[in-house]
mmCIF file of all heavy atoms, coordinates in Angstrom:
data_MODEL
# 
_entry.id   MODEL 
# 
loop_
_atom_site.group_PDB 
_atom_site.id 
_atom_site.type_symbol 
_atom_site.label_atom_id 
_atom_site.label_alt_id 
_atom_site.label_comp_id 
_atom_site.label_asym_id 
_atom_site.label_entity_id 
_atom_site.label_seq_id 
_atom_site.pdbx_PDB_ins_code 
_atom_site.Cartn_x 
_atom_site.Cartn_y 
_atom_site.Cartn_z 
_atom_site.occupancy 
_atom_site.B_iso_or_equiv 
_atom_site.pdbx_formal_charge 
_atom_site.auth_seq_id 
_atom_site.auth_comp_id 
_atom_site.auth_asym_id 
_atom_site.auth_atom_id 
_atom_site.pdbx_PDB_model_num 
ATOM 1   N N   . GLU A 1 1  ? 5.222   -2.945 -12.486 1.00 0.00 ? 1  GLU A N   1 
ATOM 2   C CA  . GLU A 1 1  ? 4.863   -4.005 -11.540 1.00 0.00 ? 1  GLU A CA  1 
ATOM 3   C C   . GLU A 1 1  ? 5.804   -3.998 -10.339 1.00 0.00 ? 1  GLU A C   1 
ATOM 4   O O   . GLU A 1 1  ? 5.372   -4.245 -9.219  1.00 0.00 ? 1  GLU A O   1 
ATOM 5   C CB  . GLU A 1 1  ? 4.956   -5.366 -12.260 1.00 0.00 ? 1  GLU A CB  1 
ATOM 6   C CG  . GLU A 1 1  ? 4.699   -6.586 -11.374 1.00 0.00 ? 1  GLU A CG  1 
ATOM 7   C CD  . GLU A 1 1  ? 3.323   -6.655 -10.726 1.00 0.00 ? 1  GLU A CD  1 
ATOM 8   O OE1 . GLU A 1 1  ? 2.469   -5.813 -11.051 1.00 0.00 ? 1  GLU A OE1 1 
ATOM 9   O OE2 . GLU A 1 1  ? 3.147   -7.540 -9.867  1.00 0.00 ? 1  GLU A OE2 1 
ATOM 10  N N   . LEU A 1 2  ? 7.059   -3.679 -10.550 1.00 0.00 ? 2  LEU A N   1 
ATOM 11  C CA  . LEU A 1 2  ? 8.007   -3.617 -9.436  1.00 0.00 ? 2  LEU A CA  1 
ATOM 12  C C   . LEU A 1 2  ? 7.621   -2.497 -8.477  1.00 0.00 ? 2  LEU A C   1 
ATOM 13  O O   . LEU A 1 2  ? 7.627   -2.709 -7.249  1.00 0.00 ? 2  LEU A O   1 
ATOM 14  C CB  . LEU A 1 2  ? 9.418   -3.379 -9.990  1.00 0.00 ? 2  LEU A CB  1 
ATOM 15  C CG  . LEU A 1 2  ? 10.584  -3.486 -8.994  1.00 0.00 ? 2  LEU A CG  1 
ATOM 16  C CD1 . LEU A 1 2  ? 10.584  -4.840 -8.289  1.00 0.00 ? 2  LEU A CD1 1 
ATOM 17  C CD2 . LEU A 1 2  ? 11.908  -3.302 -9.729  1.00 0.00 ? 2  LEU A CD2 1 
ATOM 18  N N   . VAL A 1 3  ? 7.261   -1.343 -9.008  1.00 0.00 ? 3  VAL A N   1 
ATOM 19  C CA  . VAL A 1 3  ? 6.771   -0.254 -8.159  1.00 0.00 ? 3  VAL A CA  1 
ATOM 20  C C   . VAL A 1 3  ? 5.517   -0.687 -7.408  1.00 0.00 ? 3  VAL A C   1 
ATOM 21  O O   . VAL A 1 3  ? 5.397   -0.444 -6.186  1.00 0.00 ? 3  VAL A O   1 
ATOM 22  C CB  . VAL A 1 3  ? 6.475   1.006  -9.017  1.00 0.00 ? 3  VAL A CB  1 
ATOM 23  C CG1 . VAL A 1 3  ? 5.690   2.032  -8.181  1.00 0.00 ? 3  VAL A CG1 1 
ATOM 24  C CG2 . VAL A 1 3  ? 7.767   1.620  -9.524  1.00 0.00 ? 3  VAL A CG2 1 
ATOM 25  N N   . ARG A 1 4  ? 4.607   -1.348 -8.083  1.00 0.00 ? 4  ARG A N   1 
ATOM 26  C CA  . ARG A 1 4  ? 3.370   -1.795 -7.430  1.00 0.00 ? 4  ARG A CA  1 
ATOM 27  C C   . ARG A 1 4  ? 3.632   -2.760 -6.286  1.00 0.00 ? 4  ARG A C   1 
ATOM 28  O O   . ARG A 1 4  ? 3.029   -2.672 -5.193  1.00 0.00 ? 4  ARG A O   1 
ATOM 29  C CB  . ARG A 1 4  ? 2.454   -2.483 -8.472  1.00 0.00 ? 4  ARG A CB  1 
ATOM 30  C CG  . ARG A 1 4  ? 1.023   -2.790 -7.941  1.00 0.00 ? 4  ARG A CG  1 
ATOM 31  C CD  . ARG A 1 4  ? 0.406   -3.929 -8.706  1.00 0.00 ? 4  ARG A CD  1 
ATOM 32  N NE  . ARG A 1 4  ? 1.147   -5.175 -8.520  1.00 0.00 ? 4  ARG A NE  1 
ATOM 33  C CZ  . ARG A 1 4  ? 1.069   -5.959 -7.447  1.00 0.00 ? 4  ARG A CZ  1 
ATOM 34  N NH1 . ARG A 1 4  ? 0.309   -5.595 -6.401  1.00 0.00 ? 4  ARG A NH1 1 
ATOM 35  N NH2 . ARG A 1 4  ? 1.759   -7.083 -7.347  1.00 0.00 ? 4  ARG A NH2 1 
ATOM 36  N N   . ILE A 1 5  ? 4.616   -3.653 -6.473  1.00 0.00 ? 5  ILE A N   1 
ATOM 37  C CA  . ILE A 1 5  ? 4.961   -4.636 -5.452  1.00 0.00 ? 5  ILE A CA  1 
ATOM 38  C C   . ILE A 1 5  ? 5.483   -3.893 -4.213  1.00 0.00 ? 5  ILE A C   1 
ATOM 39  O O   . ILE A 1 5  ? 5.122   -4.243 -3.040  1.00 0.00 ? 5  ILE A O   1 
ATOM 40  C CB  . ILE A 1 5  ? 5.983   -5.626 -5.982  1.00 0.00 ? 5  ILE A CB  1 
ATOM 41  C CG1 . ILE A 1 5  ? 5.314   -6.597 -6.976  1.00 0.00 ? 5  ILE A CG1 1 
ATOM 42  C CG2 . ILE A 1 5  ? 6.634   -6.413 -4.846  1.00 0.00 ? 5  ILE A CG2 1 
ATOM 43  C CD1 . ILE A 1 5  ? 6.310   -7.391 -7.812  1.00 0.00 ? 5  ILE A CD1 1 
ATOM 44  N N   . VAL A 1 6  ? 6.349   -2.889 -4.403  1.00 0.00 ? 6  VAL A N   1 
ATOM 45  C CA  . VAL A 1 6  ? 6.874   -2.115 -3.257  1.00 0.00 ? 6  VAL A CA  1 
ATOM 46  C C   . VAL A 1 6  ? 5.732   -1.387 -2.554  1.00 0.00 ? 6  VAL A C   1 
ATOM 47  O O   . VAL A 1 6  ? 5.649   -1.413 -1.319  1.00 0.00 ? 6  VAL A O   1 
ATOM 48  C CB  . VAL A 1 6  ? 7.957   -1.132 -3.707  1.00 0.00 ? 6  VAL A CB  1 
ATOM 49  C CG1 . VAL A 1 6  ? 8.455   -0.318 -2.518  1.00 0.00 ? 6  VAL A CG1 1 
ATOM 50  C CG2 . VAL A 1 6  ? 9.112   -1.846 -4.384  1.00 0.00 ? 6  VAL A CG2 1 
ATOM 51  N N   . LEU A 1 7  ? 4.864   -0.739 -3.319  1.00 0.00 ? 7  LEU A N   1 
ATOM 52  C CA  . LEU A 1 7  ? 3.753   0.004  -2.716  1.00 0.00 ? 7  LEU A CA  1 
ATOM 53  C C   . LEU A 1 7  ? 2.800   -0.944 -1.964  1.00 0.00 ? 7  LEU A C   1 
ATOM 54  O O   . LEU A 1 7  ? 2.320   -0.619 -0.888  1.00 0.00 ? 7  LEU A O   1 
ATOM 55  C CB  . LEU A 1 7  ? 2.962   0.752  -3.810  1.00 0.00 ? 7  LEU A CB  1 
ATOM 56  C CG  . LEU A 1 7  ? 3.725   1.842  -4.587  1.00 0.00 ? 7  LEU A CG  1 
ATOM 57  C CD1 . LEU A 1 7  ? 2.818   2.501  -5.603  1.00 0.00 ? 7  LEU A CD1 1 
ATOM 58  C CD2 . LEU A 1 7  ? 4.311   2.898  -3.618  1.00 0.00 ? 7  LEU A CD2 1 
ATOM 59  N N   . ALA A 1 8  ? 2.543   -2.124 -2.535  1.00 0.00 ? 8  ALA A N   1 
ATOM 60  C CA  . ALA A 1 8  ? 1.677   -3.099 -1.862  1.00 0.00 ? 8  ALA A CA  1 
ATOM 61  C C   . ALA A 1 8  ? 2.275   -3.555 -0.561  1.00 0.00 ? 8  ALA A C   1 
ATOM 62  O O   . ALA A 1 8  ? 1.607   -3.725 0.464   1.00 0.00 ? 8  ALA A O   1 
ATOM 63  C CB  . ALA A 1 8  ? 1.409   -4.287 -2.787  1.00 0.00 ? 8  ALA A CB  1 
ATOM 64  N N   . SER A 1 9  ? 3.615   -3.754 -0.536  1.00 0.00 ? 9  SER A N   1 
ATOM 65  C CA  . SER A 1 9  ? 4.300   -4.195 0.677   1.00 0.00 ? 9  SER A CA  1 
ATOM 66  C C   . SER A 1 9  ? 4.185   -3.112 1.760   1.00 0.00 ? 9  SER A C   1 
ATOM 67  O O   . SER A 1 9  ? 3.911   -3.418 2.931   1.00 0.00 ? 9  SER A O   1 
ATOM 68  C CB  . SER A 1 9  ? 5.751   -4.487 0.374   1.00 0.00 ? 9  SER A CB  1 
ATOM 69  O OG  . SER A 1 9  ? 6.461   -4.791 1.540   1.00 0.00 ? 9  SER A OG  1 
ATOM 70  N N   . LEU A 1 10 ? 4.408   -1.856 1.365   1.00 0.00 ? 10 LEU A N   1 
ATOM 71  C CA  . LEU A 1 10 ? 4.322   -0.740 2.345   1.00 0.00 ? 10 LEU A CA  1 
ATOM 72  C C   . LEU A 1 10 ? 2.886   -0.613 2.877   1.00 0.00 ? 10 LEU A C   1 
ATOM 73  O O   . LEU A 1 10 ? 2.671   -0.307 4.058   1.00 0.00 ? 10 LEU A O   1 
ATOM 74  C CB  . LEU A 1 10 ? 4.766   0.556  1.684   1.00 0.00 ? 10 LEU A CB  1 
ATOM 75  C CG  . LEU A 1 10 ? 6.218   0.655  1.257   1.00 0.00 ? 10 LEU A CG  1 
ATOM 76  C CD1 . LEU A 1 10 ? 6.490   1.967  0.542   1.00 0.00 ? 10 LEU A CD1 1 
ATOM 77  C CD2 . LEU A 1 10 ? 7.148   0.518  2.461   1.00 0.00 ? 10 LEU A CD2 1 
ATOM 78  N N   . THR A 1 11 ? 1.908   -0.872 1.983   1.00 0.00 ? 11 THR A N   1 
ATOM 79  C CA  . THR A 1 11 ? 0.506   -0.783 2.392   1.00 0.00 ? 11 THR A CA  1 
ATOM 80  C C   . THR A 1 11 ? 0.161   -1.859 3.416   1.00 0.00 ? 11 THR A C   1 
ATOM 81  O O   . THR A 1 11 ? -0.469  -1.614 4.444   1.00 0.00 ? 11 THR A O   1 
ATOM 82  C CB  . THR A 1 11 ? -0.401  -0.921 1.173   1.00 0.00 ? 11 THR A CB  1 
ATOM 83  O OG1 . THR A 1 11 ? -0.118  0.129  0.240   1.00 0.00 ? 11 THR A OG1 1 
ATOM 84  C CG2 . THR A 1 11 ? -1.865  -0.822 1.565   1.00 0.00 ? 11 THR A CG2 1 
ATOM 85  N N   . LYS A 1 12 ? 0.618   -3.061 3.130   1.00 0.00 ? 12 LYS A N   1 
ATOM 86  C CA  . LYS A 1 12 ? 0.322   -4.188 4.027   1.00 0.00 ? 12 LYS A CA  1 
ATOM 87  C C   . LYS A 1 12 ? 0.971   -4.022 5.382   1.00 0.00 ? 12 LYS A C   1 
ATOM 88  O O   . LYS A 1 12 ? 0.487   -4.543 6.397   1.00 0.00 ? 12 LYS A O   1 
ATOM 89  C CB  . LYS A 1 12 ? 0.806   -5.501 3.377   1.00 0.00 ? 12 LYS A CB  1 
ATOM 90  C CG  . LYS A 1 12 ? -0.047  -5.931 2.186   1.00 0.00 ? 12 LYS A CG  1 
ATOM 91  C CD  . LYS A 1 12 ? 0.572   -7.099 1.431   1.00 0.00 ? 12 LYS A CD  1 
ATOM 92  C CE  . LYS A 1 12 ? -0.196  -7.415 0.164   1.00 0.00 ? 12 LYS A CE  1 
ATOM 93  N NZ  . LYS A 1 12 ? 0.495   -8.436 -0.664  1.00 0.00 ? 12 LYS A NZ  1 
ATOM 94  N N   . GLU A 1 13 ? 2.089   -3.279 5.437   1.00 0.00 ? 13 GLU A N   1 
ATOM 95  C CA  . GLU A 1 13 ? 2.762   -3.021 6.717   1.00 0.00 ? 13 GLU A CA  1 
ATOM 96  C C   . GLU A 1 13 ? 2.306   -1.774 7.396   1.00 0.00 ? 13 GLU A C   1 
ATOM 97  O O   . GLU A 1 13 ? 2.896   -1.299 8.357   1.00 0.00 ? 13 GLU A O   1 
ATOM 98  C CB  . GLU A 1 13 ? 4.252   -3.032 6.491   1.00 0.00 ? 13 GLU A CB  1 
ATOM 99  C CG  . GLU A 1 13 ? 4.789   -4.395 6.009   1.00 0.00 ? 13 GLU A CG  1 
ATOM 100 C CD  . GLU A 1 13 ? 6.307   -4.501 6.098   1.00 0.00 ? 13 GLU A CD  1 
ATOM 101 O OE1 . GLU A 1 13 ? 6.900   -3.756 6.914   1.00 0.00 ? 13 GLU A OE1 1 
ATOM 102 O OE2 . GLU A 1 13 ? 6.907   -5.350 5.410   1.00 0.00 ? 13 GLU A OE2 1 
ATOM 103 N N   . GLY A 1 14 ? 1.229   -1.158 6.821   1.00 0.00 ? 14 GLY A N   1 
ATOM 104 C CA  . GLY A 1 14 ? 0.628   -0.017 7.494   1.00 0.00 ? 14 GLY A CA  1 
ATOM 105 C C   . GLY A 1 14 ? 1.388   1.297  7.358   1.00 0.00 ? 14 GLY A C   1 
ATOM 106 O O   . GLY A 1 14 ? 1.229   2.215  8.172   1.00 0.00 ? 14 GLY A O   1 
ATOM 107 N N   . MET A 1 15 ? 2.245   1.390  6.313   1.00 0.00 ? 15 MET A N   1 
ATOM 108 C CA  . MET A 1 15 ? 3.033   2.625  6.129   1.00 0.00 ? 15 MET A CA  1 
ATOM 109 C C   . MET A 1 15 ? 2.502   3.483  5.022   1.00 0.00 ? 15 MET A C   1 
ATOM 110 O O   . MET A 1 15 ? 3.027   4.570  4.730   1.00 0.00 ? 15 MET A O   1 
ATOM 111 C CB  . MET A 1 15 ? 4.491   2.241  5.862   1.00 0.00 ? 15 MET A CB  1 
ATOM 112 C CG  . MET A 1 15 ? 5.202   1.685  7.083   1.00 0.00 ? 15 MET A CG  1 
ATOM 113 S SD  . MET A 1 15 ? 6.953   1.347  6.726   1.00 0.00 ? 15 MET A SD  1 
ATOM 114 C CE  . MET A 1 15 ? 6.900   -0.402 6.366   1.00 0.00 ? 15 MET A CE  1 
ATOM 115 N N   . LEU A 1 16 ? 1.471   3.014  4.297   1.00 0.00 ? 16 LEU A N   1 
ATOM 116 C CA  . LEU A 1 16 ? 0.970   3.724  3.124   1.00 0.00 ? 16 LEU A CA  1 
ATOM 117 C C   . LEU A 1 16 ? -0.544  3.513  3.015   1.00 0.00 ? 16 LEU A C   1 
ATOM 118 O O   . LEU A 1 16 ? -1.049  2.424  3.348   1.00 0.00 ? 16 LEU A O   1 
ATOM 119 C CB  . LEU A 1 16 ? 1.676   3.194  1.854   1.00 0.00 ? 16 LEU A CB  1 
ATOM 120 C CG  . LEU A 1 16 ? 1.347   3.808  0.524   1.00 0.00 ? 16 LEU A CG  1 
ATOM 121 C CD1 . LEU A 1 16 ? 1.745   5.278  0.469   1.00 0.00 ? 16 LEU A CD1 1 
ATOM 122 C CD2 . LEU A 1 16 ? 2.082   3.055  -0.609  1.00 0.00 ? 16 LEU A CD2 1 
ATOM 123 N N   . PHE A 1 17 ? -1.235  4.507  2.553   1.00 0.00 ? 17 PHE A N   1 
ATOM 124 C CA  . PHE A 1 17 ? -2.702  4.445  2.339   1.00 0.00 ? 17 PHE A CA  1 
ATOM 125 C C   . PHE A 1 17 ? -3.418  3.984  3.627   1.00 0.00 ? 17 PHE A C   1 
ATOM 126 O O   . PHE A 1 17 ? -4.178  3.037  3.601   1.00 0.00 ? 17 PHE A O   1 
ATOM 127 C CB  . PHE A 1 17 ? -3.055  3.522  1.164   1.00 0.00 ? 17 PHE A CB  1 
ATOM 128 C CG  . PHE A 1 17 ? -2.328  3.824  -0.102  1.00 0.00 ? 17 PHE A CG  1 
ATOM 129 C CD1 . PHE A 1 17 ? -1.824  2.764  -0.876  1.00 0.00 ? 17 PHE A CD1 1 
ATOM 130 C CD2 . PHE A 1 17 ? -2.150  5.138  -0.534  1.00 0.00 ? 17 PHE A CD2 1 
ATOM 131 C CE1 . PHE A 1 17 ? -1.126  3.059  -2.076  1.00 0.00 ? 17 PHE A CE1 1 
ATOM 132 C CE2 . PHE A 1 17 ? -1.461  5.394  -1.708  1.00 0.00 ? 17 PHE A CE2 1 
ATOM 133 C CZ  . PHE A 1 17 ? -0.959  4.369  -2.486  1.00 0.00 ? 17 PHE A CZ  1 
ATOM 134 N N   . THR A 1 18 ? -3.172  4.701  4.708   1.00 0.00 ? 18 THR A N   1 
ATOM 135 C CA  . THR A 1 18 ? -3.723  4.316  6.005   1.00 0.00 ? 18 THR A CA  1 
ATOM 136 C C   . THR A 1 18 ? -4.997  5.102  6.370   1.00 0.00 ? 18 THR A C   1 
ATOM 137 O O   . THR A 1 18 ? -5.512  4.989  7.468   1.00 0.00 ? 18 THR A O   1 
ATOM 138 C CB  . THR A 1 18 ? -2.698  4.513  7.116   1.00 0.00 ? 18 THR A CB  1 
ATOM 139 O OG1 . THR A 1 18 ? -2.250  5.873  7.091   1.00 0.00 ? 18 THR A OG1 1 
ATOM 140 C CG2 . THR A 1 18 ? -1.506  3.571  6.929   1.00 0.00 ? 18 THR A CG2 1 
ATOM 141 N N   . GLY A 1 19 ? -5.484  5.941  5.437   1.00 0.00 ? 19 GLY A N   1 
ATOM 142 C CA  . GLY A 1 19 ? -6.691  6.746  5.713   1.00 0.00 ? 19 GLY A CA  1 
ATOM 143 C C   . GLY A 1 19 ? -7.936  5.896  5.639   1.00 0.00 ? 19 GLY A C   1 
ATOM 144 O O   . GLY A 1 19 ? -7.917  4.654  5.646   1.00 0.00 ? 19 GLY A O   1 
ATOM 145 N N   . ASP A 1 20 ? -9.063  6.572  5.539   1.00 0.00 ? 20 ASP A N   1 
ATOM 146 C CA  . ASP A 1 20 ? -10.379 5.883  5.546   1.00 0.00 ? 20 ASP A CA  1 
ATOM 147 C C   . ASP A 1 20 ? -10.762 5.429  4.140   1.00 0.00 ? 20 ASP A C   1 
ATOM 148 O O   . ASP A 1 20 ? -11.884 5.666  3.676   1.00 0.00 ? 20 ASP A O   1 
ATOM 149 C CB  . ASP A 1 20 ? -11.449 6.835  6.104   1.00 0.00 ? 20 ASP A CB  1 
ATOM 150 C CG  . ASP A 1 20 ? -11.197 7.208  7.539   1.00 0.00 ? 20 ASP A CG  1 
ATOM 151 O OD1 . ASP A 1 20 ? -10.613 6.356  8.279   1.00 0.00 ? 20 ASP A OD1 1 
ATOM 152 O OD2 . ASP A 1 20 ? -11.542 8.317  7.932   1.00 0.00 ? 20 ASP A OD2 1 
ATOM 153 N N   . HIS A 1 21 ? -9.853  4.793  3.479   1.00 0.00 ? 21 HIS A N   1 
ATOM 154 C CA  . HIS A 1 21 ? -10.167 4.303  2.141   1.00 0.00 ? 21 HIS A CA  1 
ATOM 155 C C   . HIS A 1 21 ? -9.347  3.053  1.906   1.00 0.00 ? 21 HIS A C   1 
ATOM 156 O O   . HIS A 1 21 ? -8.302  2.821  2.512   1.00 0.00 ? 21 HIS A O   1 
ATOM 157 C CB  . HIS A 1 21 ? -9.855  5.358  1.070   1.00 0.00 ? 21 HIS A CB  1 
ATOM 158 C CG  . HIS A 1 21 ? -8.445  5.912  1.212   1.00 0.00 ? 21 HIS A CG  1 
ATOM 159 N ND1 . HIS A 1 21 ? -8.188  7.063  1.893   1.00 0.00 ? 21 HIS A ND1 1 
ATOM 160 C CD2 . HIS A 1 21 ? -7.257  5.440  0.730   1.00 0.00 ? 21 HIS A CD2 1 
ATOM 161 C CE1 . HIS A 1 21 ? -6.847  7.290  1.855   1.00 0.00 ? 21 HIS A CE1 1 
ATOM 162 N NE2 . HIS A 1 21 ? -6.296  6.333  1.159   1.00 0.00 ? 21 HIS A NE2 1 
ATOM 163 N N   . HIS A 1 22 ? -9.839  2.211  1.009   1.00 0.00 ? 22 HIS A N   1 
ATOM 164 C CA  . HIS A 1 22 ? -9.180  0.948  0.711   1.00 0.00 ? 22 HIS A CA  1 
ATOM 165 C C   . HIS A 1 22 ? -8.240  1.125  -0.462  1.00 0.00 ? 22 HIS A C   1 
ATOM 166 O O   . HIS A 1 22 ? -8.578  1.824  -1.436  1.00 0.00 ? 22 HIS A O   1 
ATOM 167 C CB  . HIS A 1 22 ? -10.211 -0.141 0.393   1.00 0.00 ? 22 HIS A CB  1 
ATOM 168 C CG  . HIS A 1 22 ? -9.629  -1.512 0.351   1.00 0.00 ? 22 HIS A CG  1 
ATOM 169 N ND1 . HIS A 1 22 ? -9.103  -2.058 -0.784  1.00 0.00 ? 22 HIS A ND1 1 
ATOM 170 C CD2 . HIS A 1 22 ? -9.474  -2.458 1.313   1.00 0.00 ? 22 HIS A CD2 1 
ATOM 171 C CE1 . HIS A 1 22 ? -8.655  -3.274 -0.519  1.00 0.00 ? 22 HIS A CE1 1 
ATOM 172 N NE2 . HIS A 1 22 ? -8.867  -3.542 0.755   1.00 0.00 ? 22 HIS A NE2 1 
ATOM 173 N N   . PRO A 1 23 ? -7.016  0.543  -0.417  1.00 0.00 ? 23 PRO A N   1 
ATOM 174 C CA  . PRO A 1 23 ? -6.079  0.695  -1.513  1.00 0.00 ? 23 PRO A CA  1 
ATOM 175 C C   . PRO A 1 23 ? -6.511  0.047  -2.812  1.00 0.00 ? 23 PRO A C   1 
ATOM 176 O O   . PRO A 1 23 ? -5.901  0.259  -3.858  1.00 0.00 ? 23 PRO A O   1 
ATOM 177 C CB  . PRO A 1 23 ? -4.789  0.050  -0.981  1.00 0.00 ? 23 PRO A CB  1 
ATOM 178 C CG  . PRO A 1 23 ? -5.233  -0.882 0.082   1.00 0.00 ? 23 PRO A CG  1 
ATOM 179 C CD  . PRO A 1 23 ? -6.433  -0.251 0.724   1.00 0.00 ? 23 PRO A CD  1 
ATOM 180 N N   . GLY A 1 24 ? -7.590  -0.719 -2.798  1.00 0.00 ? 24 GLY A N   1 
ATOM 181 C CA  . GLY A 1 24 ? -8.199  -1.228 -3.995  1.00 0.00 ? 24 GLY A CA  1 
ATOM 182 C C   . GLY A 1 24 ? -7.301  -2.045 -4.880  1.00 0.00 ? 24 GLY A C   1 
ATOM 183 O O   . GLY A 1 24 ? -6.442  -2.791 -4.440  1.00 0.00 ? 24 GLY A O   1 
# 
């Protein structure tokens, strides 16, 4: 869960999973 929280934060700030797909 801690890893997921970090990944979600990076995603919301546009640093991760920025391609033509939704992080789901």
